[in-house]
Structure formats: C-alpha cells, structure tokens
C-alpha atoms as a PDB file:
ATOM      1  CA  MET A   1      14.059  48.210 -23.843  1.00  0.00           C
ATOM      2  CA  ASN A   2      15.503  45.294 -25.629  1.00  0.00           C
ATOM      3  CA  THR A   3      18.285  47.146 -27.370  1.00  0.00           C
ATOM      4  CA  LYS A   4      21.413  47.530 -25.442  1.00  0.00           C
ATOM      5  CA  LEU A   5      23.035  50.766 -26.111  1.00  0.00           C
ATOM      6  CA  ASN A   6      24.949  52.986 -23.678  1.00  0.00           C
ATOM      7  CA  LEU A   7      25.394  56.392 -25.145  1.00  0.00           C
ATOM      8  CA  THR A   8      24.506  58.415 -21.973  1.00  0.00           C
ATOM      9  CA  GLY A   9      25.798  61.794 -21.755  1.00  0.00           C
ATOM     10  CA  ARG A  10      27.363  61.681 -25.298  1.00  0.00           C
ATOM     11  CA  ASP A  11      26.816  64.428 -27.822  1.00  0.00           C
ATOM     12  CA  PHE A  12      25.578  63.483 -31.439  1.00  0.00           C
ATOM     13  CA  LEU A  13      27.508  65.973 -33.614  1.00  0.00           C
ATOM     14  CA  LYS A  14      28.683  63.715 -36.520  1.00  0.00           C
ATOM     15  CA  LEU A  15      28.772  59.932 -37.499  1.00  0.00           C
ATOM     16  CA  LEU A  16      32.543  60.191 -37.538  1.00  0.00           C
ATOM     17  CA  ASP A  17      32.257  60.001 -33.733  1.00  0.00           C
ATOM     18  CA  PHE A  18      30.399  56.731 -33.587  1.00  0.00           C
ATOM     19  CA  THR A  19      31.338  53.007 -34.556  1.00  0.00           C
ATOM     20  CA  GLY A  20      29.409  51.031 -37.156  1.00  0.00           C
ATOM     21  CA  ALA A  21      27.917  48.987 -34.142  1.00  0.00           C
ATOM     22  CA  GLU A  22      26.682  52.191 -32.521  1.00  0.00           C
ATOM     23  CA  ILE A  23      25.037  53.401 -35.547  1.00  0.00           C
ATOM     24  CA  GLU A  24      23.379  50.185 -36.374  1.00  0.00           C
ATOM     25  CA  ALA A  25      22.132  49.947 -32.722  1.00  0.00           C
ATOM     26  CA  LEU A  26      20.687  53.495 -33.142  1.00  0.00           C
ATOM     27  CA  VAL A  27      18.768  52.120 -36.222  1.00  0.00           C
ATOM     28  CA  SER A  28      17.637  49.115 -34.273  1.00  0.00           C
ATOM     29  CA  LEU A  29      16.428  51.404 -31.316  1.00  0.00           C
ATOM     30  CA  SER A  30      14.604  53.598 -34.038  1.00  0.00           C
ATOM     31  CA  ALA A  31      12.742  50.543 -35.128  1.00  0.00           C
ATOM     32  CA  GLU A  32      11.852  49.509 -31.791  1.00  0.00           C
ATOM     33  CA  LEU A  33      10.467  52.926 -30.668  1.00  0.00           C
ATOM     34  CA  LYS A  34       8.575  53.065 -34.035  1.00  0.00           C
ATOM     35  CA  ALA A  35       7.082  49.745 -33.237  1.00  0.00           C
ATOM     36  CA  MET A  36       5.924  51.148 -29.936  1.00  0.00           C
ATOM     37  CA  LYS A  37       4.535  54.196 -31.537  1.00  0.00           C
ATOM     38  CA  LYS A  38       2.481  52.387 -33.961  1.00  0.00           C
ATOM     39  CA  ALA A  39       1.092  50.112 -31.399  1.00  0.00           C
ATOM     40  CA  GLY A  40       0.117  52.926 -29.189  1.00  0.00           C
ATOM     41  CA  VAL A  41       2.396  51.759 -26.356  1.00  0.00           C
ATOM     42  CA  PRO A  42       3.456  54.869 -24.185  1.00  0.00           C
ATOM     43  CA  HIS A  43       7.207  55.443 -24.043  1.00  0.00           C
ATOM     44  CA  ARG A  44       7.633  58.410 -21.481  1.00  0.00           C
ATOM     45  CA  PHE A  45      11.157  57.258 -20.635  1.00  0.00           C
ATOM     46  CA  CYS A  46      12.263  60.853 -20.319  1.00  0.00           C
ATOM     47  CA  ALA A  47       9.290  62.422 -18.323  1.00  0.00           C
ATOM     48  CA  GLY A  48      10.310  65.550 -16.331  1.00  0.00           C
ATOM     49  CA  LYS A  49      13.283  66.484 -18.560  1.00  0.00           C
ATOM     50  CA  ASN A  50      13.336  69.440 -20.879  1.00  0.00           C
ATOM     51  CA  ILE A  51      15.148  70.272 -24.085  1.00  0.00           C
ATOM     52  CA  ALA A  52      16.159  73.401 -25.879  1.00  0.00           C
ATOM     53  CA  LEU A  53      15.964  73.506 -29.934  1.00  0.00           C
ATOM     54  CA  ILE A  54      18.076  76.155 -31.436  1.00  0.00           C
ATOM     55  CA  PHE A  55      17.173  76.836 -35.020  1.00  0.00           C
ATOM     56  CA  GLU A  56      19.386  79.172 -37.081  1.00  0.00           C
ATOM     57  CA  LYS A  57      18.104  77.529 -40.202  1.00  0.00           C
ATOM     58  CA  THR A  58      14.225  77.005 -40.115  1.00  0.00           C
ATOM     59  CA  SER A  59      12.838  73.398 -41.068  1.00  0.00           C
ATOM     60  CA  THR A  60       9.477  71.557 -41.194  1.00  0.00           C
ATOM     61  CA  ARG A  61      10.917  67.928 -40.630  1.00  0.00           C
ATOM     62  CA  THR A  62      13.527  68.512 -38.210  1.00  0.00           C
ATOM     63  CA  ARG A  63      11.591  70.776 -35.845  1.00  0.00           C
ATOM     64  CA  CYS A  64       8.398  68.533 -36.158  1.00  0.00           C
ATOM     65  CA  SER A  65      10.671  65.451 -35.458  1.00  0.00           C
ATOM     66  CA  PHE A  66      12.262  66.746 -32.511  1.00  0.00           C
ATOM     67  CA  GLU A  67       9.208  68.153 -30.900  1.00  0.00           C
ATOM     68  CA  VAL A  68       6.896  65.191 -31.429  1.00  0.00           C
ATOM     69  CA  ALA A  69       9.829  62.869 -30.423  1.00  0.00           C
ATOM     70  CA  ALA A  70      10.461  64.846 -27.128  1.00  0.00           C
ATOM     71  CA  ARG A  71       6.660  64.881 -26.265  1.00  0.00           C
ATOM     72  CA  ASP A  72       6.435  61.167 -26.794  1.00  0.00           C
ATOM     73  CA  LEU A  73       9.251  60.668 -24.493  1.00  0.00           C
ATOM     74  CA  GLY A  74       7.619  62.861 -21.864  1.00  0.00           C
ATOM     75  CA  MET A  75       9.836  65.885 -22.286  1.00  0.00           C
ATOM     76  CA  GLY A  76       9.126  69.618 -22.461  1.00  0.00           C
ATOM     77  CA  VAL A  77      10.393  71.565 -25.479  1.00  0.00           C
ATOM     78  CA  THR A  78      11.480  75.211 -25.983  1.00  0.00           C
ATOM     79  CA  TYR A  79      11.979  76.409 -29.567  1.00  0.00           C
ATOM     80  CA  LEU A  80      14.351  79.095 -30.281  1.00  0.00           C
ATOM     81  CA  ASP A  81      14.208  80.396 -33.800  1.00  0.00           C
ATOM     82  CA  PRO A  82      16.618  82.886 -35.487  1.00  0.00           C
ATOM     83  CA  GLN A  83      14.821  85.778 -33.625  1.00  0.00           C
ATOM     84  CA  GLY A  84      14.359  83.984 -30.334  1.00  0.00           C
ATOM     85  CA  SER A  85      18.096  83.225 -29.541  1.00  0.00           C
ATOM     86  CA  GLN A  86      21.124  85.625 -29.103  1.00  0.00           C
ATOM     87  CA  ILE A  87      23.628  82.948 -29.715  1.00  0.00           C
ATOM     88  CA  GLY A  88      26.636  84.609 -31.609  1.00  0.00           C
ATOM     89  CA  LYS A  89      24.943  87.946 -31.538  1.00  0.00           C
ATOM     90  CA  LYS A  90      24.531  89.296 -28.084  1.00  0.00           C
ATOM     91  CA  GLU A  91      25.776  86.111 -26.384  1.00  0.00           C
ATOM     92  CA  SER A  92      28.684  83.900 -27.116  1.00  0.00           C
ATOM     93  CA  THR A  93      28.238  80.259 -28.147  1.00  0.00           C
ATOM     94  CA  ALA A  94      30.081  79.225 -25.071  1.00  0.00           C
ATOM     95  CA  ASP A  95      27.985  81.410 -22.672  1.00  0.00           C
ATOM     96  CA  THR A  96      24.721  80.265 -24.409  1.00  0.00           C
ATOM     97  CA  ALA A  97      25.751  76.658 -23.828  1.00  0.00           C
ATOM     98  CA  ARG A  98      26.405  77.131 -20.184  1.00  0.00           C
ATOM     99  CA  VAL A  99      23.116  79.030 -19.581  1.00  0.00           C
ATOM    100  CA  LEU A 100      21.076  76.466 -21.347  1.00  0.00           C
ATOM    101  CA  SER A 101      22.713  73.510 -19.611  1.00  0.00           C
ATOM    102  CA  SER A 102      21.510  74.997 -16.361  1.00  0.00           C
ATOM    103  CA  MET A 103      17.964  74.762 -17.536  1.00  0.00           C
ATOM    104  CA  PHE A 104      17.724  71.894 -19.923  1.00  0.00           C
ATOM    105  CA  GLU A 105      18.739  68.305 -20.164  1.00  0.00           C
ATOM    106  CA  GLY A 106      19.536  68.433 -23.682  1.00  0.00           C
ATOM    107  CA  ILE A 107      20.236  71.011 -26.618  1.00  0.00           C
ATOM    108  CA  GLU A 108      19.537  70.665 -30.351  1.00  0.00           C
ATOM    109  CA  TYR A 109      21.311  72.883 -32.843  1.00  0.00           C
ATOM    110  CA  ARG A 110      20.371  73.234 -36.496  1.00  0.00           C
ATOM    111  CA  GLY A 111      22.292  75.903 -38.443  1.00  0.00           C
ATOM    112  CA  TYR A 112      25.504  76.831 -40.205  1.00  0.00           C
ATOM    113  CA  GLY A 113      29.124  75.817 -39.687  1.00  0.00           C
ATOM    114  CA  GLN A 114      29.988  72.652 -37.830  1.00  0.00           C
ATOM    115  CA  GLU A 115      32.250  74.454 -35.629  1.00  0.00           C
ATOM    116  CA  ILE A 116      29.455  76.137 -34.010  1.00  0.00           C
ATOM    117  CA  VAL A 117      27.654  72.932 -32.803  1.00  0.00           C
ATOM    118  CA  GLU A 118      31.093  71.570 -31.735  1.00  0.00           C
ATOM    119  CA  GLU A 119      31.798  74.669 -29.583  1.00  0.00           C
ATOM    120  CA  LEU A 120      28.175  74.412 -28.089  1.00  0.00           C
ATOM    121  CA  ALA A 121      28.866  70.709 -27.245  1.00  0.00           C
ATOM    122  CA  ARG A 122      32.477  71.832 -25.839  1.00  0.00           C
ATOM    123  CA  TYR A 123      30.936  74.091 -23.222  1.00  0.00           C
ATOM    124  CA  ALA A 124      27.637  72.424 -22.591  1.00  0.00           C
ATOM    125  CA  SER A 125      27.270  69.949 -19.656  1.00  0.00           C
ATOM    126  CA  VAL A 126      24.213  68.264 -21.304  1.00  0.00           C
ATOM    127  CA  PRO A 127      24.057  66.149 -24.526  1.00  0.00           C
ATOM    128  CA  VAL A 128      24.089  68.297 -27.600  1.00  0.00           C
ATOM    129  CA  TRP A 129      22.494  67.045 -30.893  1.00  0.00           C
ATOM    130  CA  ASN A 130      23.223  68.290 -34.438  1.00  0.00           C
ATOM    131  CA  GLY A 131      20.101  68.918 -36.259  1.00  0.00           C
ATOM    132  CA  LEU A 132      21.940  69.863 -39.475  1.00  0.00           C
ATOM    133  CA  THR A 133      25.114  72.063 -40.180  1.00  0.00           C
ATOM    134  CA  SER A 134      26.737  72.905 -43.623  1.00  0.00           C
ATOM    135  CA  GLU A 135      28.982  69.815 -43.061  1.00  0.00           C
ATOM    136  CA  ALA A 136      26.955  67.133 -41.431  1.00  0.00           C
ATOM    137  CA  HIS A 137      23.363  65.790 -40.932  1.00  0.00           C
ATOM    138  CA  PRO A 138      23.738  62.708 -38.827  1.00  0.00           C
ATOM    139  CA  THR A 139      20.058  62.416 -37.632  1.00  0.00           C
ATOM    140  CA  GLN A 140      18.896  62.270 -41.103  1.00  0.00           C
ATOM    141  CA  ILE A 141      21.323  59.284 -41.961  1.00  0.00           C
ATOM    142  CA  ILE A 142      19.863  57.338 -39.061  1.00  0.00           C
ATOM    143  CA  ALA A 143      16.476  57.627 -40.624  1.00  0.00           C
ATOM    144  CA  ASP A 144      17.825  56.755 -44.098  1.00  0.00           C
ATOM    145  CA  LEU A 145      19.409  53.600 -42.804  1.00  0.00           C
ATOM    146  CA  LEU A 146      16.216  52.631 -41.080  1.00  0.00           C
ATOM    147  CA  THR A 147      14.247  53.148 -44.086  1.00  0.00           C
ATOM    148  CA  MET A 148      16.578  51.091 -46.195  1.00  0.00           C
ATOM    149  CA  ARG A 149      16.631  48.303 -43.807  1.00  0.00           C
ATOM    150  CA  GLU A 150      12.749  48.262 -43.448  1.00  0.00           C
ATOM    151  CA  HIS A 151      12.550  48.224 -47.315  1.00  0.00           C
ATOM    152  CA  PHE A 152      15.288  45.668 -48.085  1.00  0.00           C
ATOM    153  CA  GLY A 153      15.537  43.795 -44.603  1.00  0.00           C
ATOM    154  CA  HIS A 154      19.277  44.328 -44.245  1.00  0.00           C
ATOM    155  CA  LEU A 155      21.915  46.963 -44.875  1.00  0.00           C
ATOM    156  CA  GLN A 156      25.095  45.019 -45.428  1.00  0.00           C
ATOM    157  CA  GLY A 157      25.970  44.855 -49.163  1.00  0.00           C
ATOM    158  CA  LEU A 158      23.349  47.204 -50.397  1.00  0.00           C
ATOM    159  CA  ASN A 159      24.387  49.409 -53.490  1.00  0.00           C
ATOM    160  CA  PHE A 160      23.768  53.046 -52.686  1.00  0.00           C
ATOM    161  CA  VAL A 161      24.143  55.909 -55.283  1.00  0.00           C
ATOM    162  CA  TYR A 162      24.140  59.583 -54.366  1.00  0.00           C
ATOM    163  CA  MET A 163      23.611  61.766 -57.257  1.00  0.00           C
ATOM    164  CA  GLY A 164      24.595  65.504 -57.183  1.00  0.00           C
ATOM    165  CA  ASP A 165      26.703  67.721 -55.120  1.00  0.00           C
ATOM    166  CA  ALA A 166      28.601  65.412 -52.608  1.00  0.00           C
ATOM    167  CA  ARG A 167      30.720  67.948 -50.807  1.00  0.00           C
ATOM    168  CA  TYR A 168      28.463  69.051 -48.033  1.00  0.00           C
ATOM    169  CA  ASN A 169      26.232  67.586 -45.301  1.00  0.00           C
ATOM    170  CA  MET A 170      24.310  64.884 -47.103  1.00  0.00           C
ATOM    171  CA  GLY A 171      27.113  63.620 -49.254  1.00  0.00           C
ATOM    172  CA  ASN A 172      29.565  63.649 -46.272  1.00  0.00           C
ATOM    173  CA  SER A 173      27.152  62.017 -43.794  1.00  0.00           C
ATOM    174  CA  LEU A 174      25.802  59.342 -46.257  1.00  0.00           C
ATOM    175  CA  MET A 175      29.337  58.429 -47.222  1.00  0.00           C
ATOM    176  CA  VAL A 176      30.382  58.002 -43.532  1.00  0.00           C
ATOM    177  CA  GLY A 177      27.248  56.077 -42.498  1.00  0.00           C
ATOM    178  CA  CYS A 178      27.405  53.761 -45.539  1.00  0.00           C
ATOM    179  CA  ALA A 179      31.052  53.052 -45.082  1.00  0.00           C
ATOM    180  CA  LYS A 180      30.654  52.270 -41.279  1.00  0.00           C
ATOM    181  CA  VAL A 181      27.695  49.882 -41.658  1.00  0.00           C
ATOM    182  CA  GLY A 182      28.888  48.057 -44.886  1.00  0.00           C
ATOM    183  CA  VAL A 183      26.643  49.671 -47.495  1.00  0.00           C
ATOM    184  CA  ASN A 184      28.407  50.088 -50.886  1.00  0.00           C
ATOM    185  CA  PHE A 185      28.478  53.853 -51.530  1.00  0.00           C
ATOM    186  CA  THR A 186      28.887  55.693 -54.996  1.00  0.00           C
ATOM    187  CA  ALA A 187      29.014  59.422 -55.393  1.00  0.00           C
ATOM    188  CA  CYS A 188      28.184  60.564 -58.839  1.00  0.00           C
ATOM    189  CA  CYS A 189      28.812  64.170 -59.902  1.00  0.00           C
ATOM    190  CA  PRO A 190      31.480  66.216 -61.661  1.00  0.00           C
ATOM    191  CA  GLU A 191      34.919  65.787 -60.062  1.00  0.00           C
ATOM    192  CA  LYS A 192      34.803  69.308 -58.367  1.00  0.00           C
ATOM    193  CA  TYR A 193      31.766  68.094 -56.431  1.00  0.00           C
ATOM    194  CA  PHE A 194      33.371  65.064 -54.994  1.00  0.00           C
ATOM    195  CA  PRO A 195      33.754  64.924 -51.215  1.00  0.00           C
ATOM    196  CA  ASP A 196      36.889  66.152 -49.434  1.00  0.00           C
ATOM    197  CA  ALA A 197      39.876  63.939 -50.030  1.00  0.00           C
ATOM    198  CA  LYS A 198      40.641  63.539 -46.359  1.00  0.00           C
ATOM    199  CA  LEU A 199      37.176  62.449 -45.503  1.00  0.00           C
ATOM    200  CA  ILE A 200      37.368  59.882 -48.481  1.00  0.00           C
ATOM    201  CA  ALA A 201      40.547  58.486 -47.015  1.00  0.00           C
ATOM    202  CA  ALA A 202      38.961  58.089 -43.637  1.00  0.00           C
ATOM    203  CA  CYS A 203      35.790  56.509 -45.109  1.00  0.00           C
ATOM    204  CA  GLU A 204      38.090  54.129 -47.101  1.00  0.00           C
ATOM    205  CA  GLY A 205      39.427  52.827 -43.813  1.00  0.00           C
ATOM    206  CA  PHE A 206      35.812  52.472 -42.322  1.00  0.00           C
ATOM    207  CA  ALA A 207      34.780  50.866 -45.552  1.00  0.00           C
ATOM    208  CA  LYS A 208      37.596  48.182 -45.294  1.00  0.00           C
ATOM    209  CA  GLU A 209      36.595  47.265 -41.828  1.00  0.00           C
ATOM    210  CA  SER A 210      32.895  46.930 -42.668  1.00  0.00           C
ATOM    211  CA  GLY A 211      33.258  45.264 -46.190  1.00  0.00           C
ATOM    212  CA  ALA A 212      31.697  48.281 -48.041  1.00  0.00           C
ATOM    213  CA  LYS A 213      33.071  49.450 -51.234  1.00  0.00           C
ATOM    214  CA  LEU A 214      33.431  53.359 -52.216  1.00  0.00           C
ATOM    215  CA  ARG A 215      33.152  54.582 -55.733  1.00  0.00           C
ATOM    216  CA  PHE A 216      33.265  58.019 -57.312  1.00  0.00           C
ATOM    217  CA  GLU A 217      31.801  58.286 -60.795  1.00  0.00           C
ATOM    218  CA  THR A 218      31.192  61.145 -63.221  1.00  0.00           C
ATOM    219  CA  ASP A 219      29.128  58.897 -65.552  1.00  0.00           C
ATOM    220  CA  PRO A 220      25.496  58.602 -64.374  1.00  0.00           C
ATOM    221  CA  ALA A 221      24.732  55.299 -66.371  1.00  0.00           C
ATOM    222  CA  ALA A 222      27.907  53.543 -64.923  1.00  0.00           C
ATOM    223  CA  ALA A 223      27.133  54.889 -61.511  1.00  0.00           C
ATOM    224  CA  VAL A 224      23.544  53.381 -61.164  1.00  0.00           C
ATOM    225  CA  LYS A 225      24.207  50.182 -62.649  1.00  0.00           C
ATOM    226  CA  ASP A 226      23.070  47.484 -59.970  1.00  0.00           C
ATOM    227  CA  ALA A 227      21.814  50.253 -57.652  1.00  0.00           C
ATOM    228  CA  ASP A 228      19.474  49.384 -54.968  1.00  0.00           C
ATOM    229  CA  VAL A 229      19.090  53.012 -53.861  1.00  0.00           C
ATOM    230  CA  ILE A 230      19.442  56.186 -55.867  1.00  0.00           C
ATOM    231  CA  TYR A 231      19.457  59.181 -53.437  1.00  0.00           C
ATOM    232  CA  THR A 232      19.615  62.984 -54.317  1.00  0.00           C
ATOM    233  CA  ASP A 233      19.231  66.318 -52.645  1.00  0.00           C
ATOM    234  CA  VAL A 234      18.522  69.955 -53.516  1.00  0.00           C
ATOM    235  CA  TRP A 235      21.311  71.538 -55.660  1.00  0.00           C
ATOM    236  CA  VAL A 236      21.307  74.643 -53.775  1.00  0.00           C
ATOM    237  CA  SER A 237      21.133  74.707 -50.000  1.00  0.00           C
ATOM    238  CA  MET A 238      19.377  77.208 -47.619  1.00  0.00           C
ATOM    239  CA  GLY A 239      21.677  80.271 -47.041  1.00  0.00           C
ATOM    240  CA  GLU A 240      23.540  79.958 -50.438  1.00  0.00           C
ATOM    241  CA  PRO A 241      23.251  83.048 -52.790  1.00  0.00           C
ATOM    242  CA  VAL A 242      20.836  82.934 -55.613  1.00  0.00           C
ATOM    243  CA  GLU A 243      23.688  83.362 -58.029  1.00  0.00           C
ATOM    244  CA  VAL A 244      24.851  79.698 -57.264  1.00  0.00           C
ATOM    245  CA  TRP A 245      21.671  78.468 -58.979  1.00  0.00           C
ATOM    246  CA  GLU A 246      23.091  79.077 -62.688  1.00  0.00           C
ATOM    247  CA  GLU A 247      26.350  77.324 -62.042  1.00  0.00           C
ATOM    248  CA  ARG A 248      24.701  74.310 -60.202  1.00  0.00           C
ATOM    249  CA  ILE A 249      22.015  73.907 -63.010  1.00  0.00           C
ATOM    250  CA  HIS A 250      24.751  73.985 -65.523  1.00  0.00           C
ATOM    251  CA  ASP A 251      26.963  71.439 -63.852  1.00  0.00           C
ATOM    252  CA  LEU A 252      24.276  68.969 -62.263  1.00  0.00           C
ATOM    253  CA  ALA A 253      21.514  68.899 -64.768  1.00  0.00           C
ATOM    254  CA  PRO A 254      23.043  65.791 -66.306  1.00  0.00           C
ATOM    255  CA  TYR A 255      22.756  64.262 -62.824  1.00  0.00           C
ATOM    256  CA  GLN A 256      19.052  64.780 -62.455  1.00  0.00           C
ATOM    257  CA  VAL A 257      17.145  61.626 -61.190  1.00  0.00           C
ATOM    258  CA  ASN A 258      14.572  60.668 -63.975  1.00  0.00           C
ATOM    259  CA  ALA A 259      12.772  57.766 -65.216  1.00  0.00           C
ATOM    260  CA  ALA A 260      15.387  57.041 -67.786  1.00  0.00           C
ATOM    261  CA  LEU A 261      18.097  56.965 -65.108  1.00  0.00           C
ATOM    262  CA  MET A 262      15.897  54.749 -62.890  1.00  0.00           C
ATOM    263  CA  CYS A 263      15.661  52.374 -65.749  1.00  0.00           C
ATOM    264  CA  LYS A 264      19.495  52.020 -66.076  1.00  0.00           C
ATOM    265  CA  THR A 265      19.956  50.120 -62.885  1.00  0.00           C
ATOM    266  CA  GLY A 266      18.945  46.850 -64.321  1.00  0.00           C
ATOM    267  CA  LYS A 267      16.792  46.333 -61.159  1.00  0.00           C
ATOM    268  CA  ASP A 268      12.948  46.608 -60.833  1.00  0.00           C
ATOM    269  CA  GLU A 269      13.311  46.969 -57.144  1.00  0.00           C
ATOM    270  CA  THR A 270      15.540  49.995 -57.073  1.00  0.00           C
ATOM    271  CA  VAL A 271      14.160  52.747 -54.880  1.00  0.00           C
ATOM    272  CA  PHE A 272      14.476  56.539 -54.829  1.00  0.00           C
ATOM    273  CA  MET A 273      15.195  58.497 -51.692  1.00  0.00           C
ATOM    274  CA  HIS A 274      15.509  62.298 -50.921  1.00  0.00           C
ATOM    275  CA  CYS A 275      15.860  64.053 -47.620  1.00  0.00           C
ATOM    276  CA  LEU A 276      13.498  66.786 -48.705  1.00  0.00           C
ATOM    277  CA  PRO A 277      12.397  69.405 -49.501  1.00  0.00           C
ATOM    278  CA  ALA A 278      12.645  68.611 -53.195  1.00  0.00           C
ATOM    279  CA  TYR A 279      12.277  70.772 -56.270  1.00  0.00           C
ATOM    280  CA  HIS A 280      10.243  68.031 -58.147  1.00  0.00           C
ATOM    281  CA  ASP A 281       7.678  70.411 -59.680  1.00  0.00           C
ATOM    282  CA  LEU A 282       6.846  74.185 -59.717  1.00  0.00           C
ATOM    283  CA  LYS A 283       4.520  74.251 -56.720  1.00  0.00           C
ATOM    284  CA  THR A 284       6.888  75.971 -54.439  1.00  0.00           C
ATOM    285  CA  GLN A 285       8.047  79.678 -54.461  1.00  0.00           C
ATOM    286  CA  VAL A 286      11.606  78.738 -55.040  1.00  0.00           C
ATOM    287  CA  GLY A 287      10.999  75.993 -57.488  1.00  0.00           C
ATOM    288  CA  ARG A 288       8.630  78.115 -59.568  1.00  0.00           C
ATOM    289  CA  GLU A 289      11.082  81.162 -59.658  1.00  0.00           C
ATOM    290  CA  MET A 290      14.071  79.162 -60.634  1.00  0.00           C
ATOM    291  CA  GLY A 291      12.072  76.905 -63.034  1.00  0.00           C
ATOM    292  CA  GLU A 292      10.760  79.909 -64.893  1.00  0.00           C
ATOM    293  CA  LYS A 293      14.265  81.653 -64.973  1.00  0.00           C
ATOM    294  CA  PHE A 294      16.154  78.531 -66.308  1.00  0.00           C
ATOM    295  CA  GLY A 295      13.275  76.857 -68.340  1.00  0.00           C
ATOM    296  CA  ARG A 296      12.978  73.942 -66.192  1.00  0.00           C
ATOM    297  CA  ASP A 297       9.869  71.899 -64.774  1.00  0.00           C
ATOM    298  CA  ALA A 298      12.031  70.201 -62.139  1.00  0.00           C
ATOM    299  CA  MET A 299      15.470  70.356 -60.622  1.00  0.00           C
ATOM    300  CA  GLU A 300      17.270  67.295 -59.023  1.00  0.00           C
ATOM    301  CA  VAL A 301      14.417  64.955 -59.466  1.00  0.00           C
ATOM    302  CA  THR A 302      11.491  64.732 -61.925  1.00  0.00           C
ATOM    303  CA  ASP A 303       7.894  64.687 -60.519  1.00  0.00           C
ATOM    304  CA  GLU A 304       7.487  61.343 -62.407  1.00  0.00           C
ATOM    305  CA  VAL A 305      10.141  59.680 -60.203  1.00  0.00           C
ATOM    306  CA  PHE A 306       9.195  61.354 -56.974  1.00  0.00           C
ATOM    307  CA  GLU A 307       5.459  60.439 -57.195  1.00  0.00           C
ATOM    308  CA  SER A 308       6.378  56.888 -58.477  1.00  0.00           C
ATOM    309  CA  ALA A 309       5.968  53.552 -56.702  1.00  0.00           C
ATOM    310  CA  GLN A 310       9.763  53.286 -56.396  1.00  0.00           C
ATOM    311  CA  SER A 311       9.878  56.462 -54.211  1.00  0.00           C
ATOM    312  CA  ILE A 312       9.989  55.820 -50.419  1.00  0.00           C
ATOM    313  CA  VAL A 313      10.672  59.656 -49.500  1.00  0.00           C
ATOM    314  CA  PHE A 314       7.644  59.999 -47.382  1.00  0.00           C
ATOM    315  CA  ASP A 315       8.687  56.748 -45.399  1.00  0.00           C
ATOM    316  CA  GLU A 316      12.021  58.286 -45.008  1.00  0.00           C
ATOM    317  CA  ALA A 317      10.624  61.581 -43.756  1.00  0.00           C
ATOM    318  CA  GLU A 318       8.363  59.849 -41.208  1.00  0.00           C
ATOM    319  CA  ASN A 319      11.493  57.996 -39.876  1.00  0.00           C
ATOM    320  CA  ARG A 320      13.251  61.255 -38.999  1.00  0.00           C
ATOM    321  CA  MET A 321      11.090  61.309 -35.973  1.00  0.00           C
ATOM    322  CA  HIS A 322      11.787  57.757 -34.727  1.00  0.00           C
ATOM    323  CA  SER A 323      15.495  58.146 -35.493  1.00  0.00           C
ATOM    324  CA  ILE A 324      15.645  61.541 -33.457  1.00  0.00           C
ATOM    325  CA  LYS A 325      13.782  59.853 -30.659  1.00  0.00           C
ATOM    326  CA  ALA A 326      16.349  57.051 -30.608  1.00  0.00           C
ATOM    327  CA  VAL A 327      19.275  59.640 -30.443  1.00  0.00           C
ATOM    328  CA  MET A 328      17.822  61.630 -27.614  1.00  0.00           C
ATOM    329  CA  LEU A 329      16.825  58.651 -25.598  1.00  0.00           C
ATOM    330  CA  SER A 330      20.010  56.915 -25.987  1.00  0.00           C
ATOM    331  CA  THR A 331      22.059  60.007 -24.918  1.00  0.00           C
ATOM    332  CA  LEU A 332      19.812  60.899 -21.955  1.00  0.00           C
ATOM    333  CA  GLU A 333      19.177  57.331 -20.689  1.00  0.00           C
ATOM    334  CA  ASN A 334      21.421  54.297 -20.095  1.00  0.00           C
ATOM    335  CA  LEU A 335      19.577  51.632 -21.897  1.00  0.00           C
ATOM    336  CA  GLN A 336      20.031  48.124 -20.694  1.00  0.00           C
END
C-alpha cells in the first residue's frame, strides 16, 4: 500500500479521537482501496482473520458495507442482530467484549448510546469500530469526505451546509470531521437544534488549526449562499417515538432541501448529499404513513432534488464500503 497510516490496534469510535491528518489519510486509503476494487485487483490483506458485527439497530448500508469490505479483505464475518446477541441482556457489555475478543480480530457495534461502544472498546483486546451510535457516526463521515474529494478534487476550503437537526450523530460527526480537515461547516436549523456548546467549542479549536470556519444559522437562505455541498438527514431517527414526528415537522419543515433552496447557493456546481435512508417520496412504509398523516409528499428533501443531477447520494452510499474497508484494514494492519 502506498498510503502510510499506522492505526494498528486502535479503536474507531469517534472522529474526536483522530487528527485531521489521520482522517485525511483514511480518506486517501479509502480511495486507494476503491481503485483496487474497480480494477479487479485482489486485496485480501487480512486473510484468516474474523470479525463480529453487533447490530442493535438494523441497517442496509452499514451491514452490507462491513460484510463486503471484510470479505474483500479475506476475513470471515459473524453477524449478530438484536435477537442474536445477549449484550446488555443476559451478558454485560464488558463480558461480551472479552468473550468476542477471544474469538475475533475485530468487533463492530451499531446501536444506541456512545457509552456502550466506549465500554465495549474498554474491555475488548481487539479493535472496536463504531457503525453508528446516537452521538457519532464516524465511518459515514470518512465516506462523505471521500465523496466530496472525488467530486471537487479537494477538501480544504469547501463550503458545507448541514440542514436540519444538528444535535445528534450526523450533525456532530460532520462538524468534527469538517473542522479537522479544513472544510467550512454551517449548521442551519432552529437554535434548539444546534450542536452541544462544548462540542462547538472543541470544534472551533480544530477549525482554527485547519483554517475552517464554523457558522450556525437559523435562516436557510443565508446559510446556503456560496454552498458547495448541502447535506441533510432524516428528521426522526430509528428508535425515537412516533410522537416526535409532529414536533420535528413543525420545526424543521422550513429547512427542507428543495429546488428553490438549491438555487439560492448562487452556484451551479452545488451538490446534494444524504446519508440515507431518505424520505423523499411516499414509497416507504414510514414515509407513506407520516406523509399521509401530516399531508406531505416528502420530508427532509424533495424527490426533485434527490433524483436531480446535483444529487450524489448513491456515490456516497457506495463509498461507505470503501471507507469501512480502510478503517478496518488500518486498525488491523500496520500499513507502511
């Protein structure tokens, strides 16, 4: 491998644990592994190893990305869904970590509180990777940065706008990732949906080092002016009560990404991104039920934008696999 990156034995729990240089190196390694995949070059660098995937929250992209990435690297995969694991029920997180460490070379966790994956890592003797928690989604951000670099040719100085609830995993992780690699980050939402003040303060320090600028706006038109990227996520996440929908729709409807908003950037080159799944139409069970209940044909993004030439969401979705492959390989092997 040409990319020099030594993360051997380290956990991948949140981007706060990594420098901007390490994050950019992971993006570069993702690109290198993607090129090998596209060229049909075998890269079974982890042959003989095995990993465990703990999914307390189910997912299409995360599960497929980890499984395909692991198999491309030559590893065996064991998937543990909410019914297949006793973590936190009949067996403590600490005990689970120690048992799995004796059988596997790496452990992925996707679920609820960040404290769960942190405890898993504390007691595991092998690398632990965060596939998503309520507070952080670090593998998604490596994929997002890769997608942005592919499209624009660079990251430094890009203007990135996140529309919607910025308090949780995507808003948090995107702000950290952008601040550390020099991407200008704007969160646009009502003030009560701004990220945590302590995290903002930390990111302002990262931004000062990288040259990035952070902004927090309540006016969508002001937020998206000169934007290179407009990004959004679902307004209600898996596991949240259905009663939350009414409040979120009321508060966040003015922040929907639609064609009118995309035109306000002043740039023809602005792209749209979304970590998926997206409620851009009524073709899903949840989208249909909530759409009919609240009289809407779309939620956080319109179908017109989602299906437009400006949308690069499926490039972004593919890059989850390449970025996850880079994370696993770099923490399992000393790349020189």
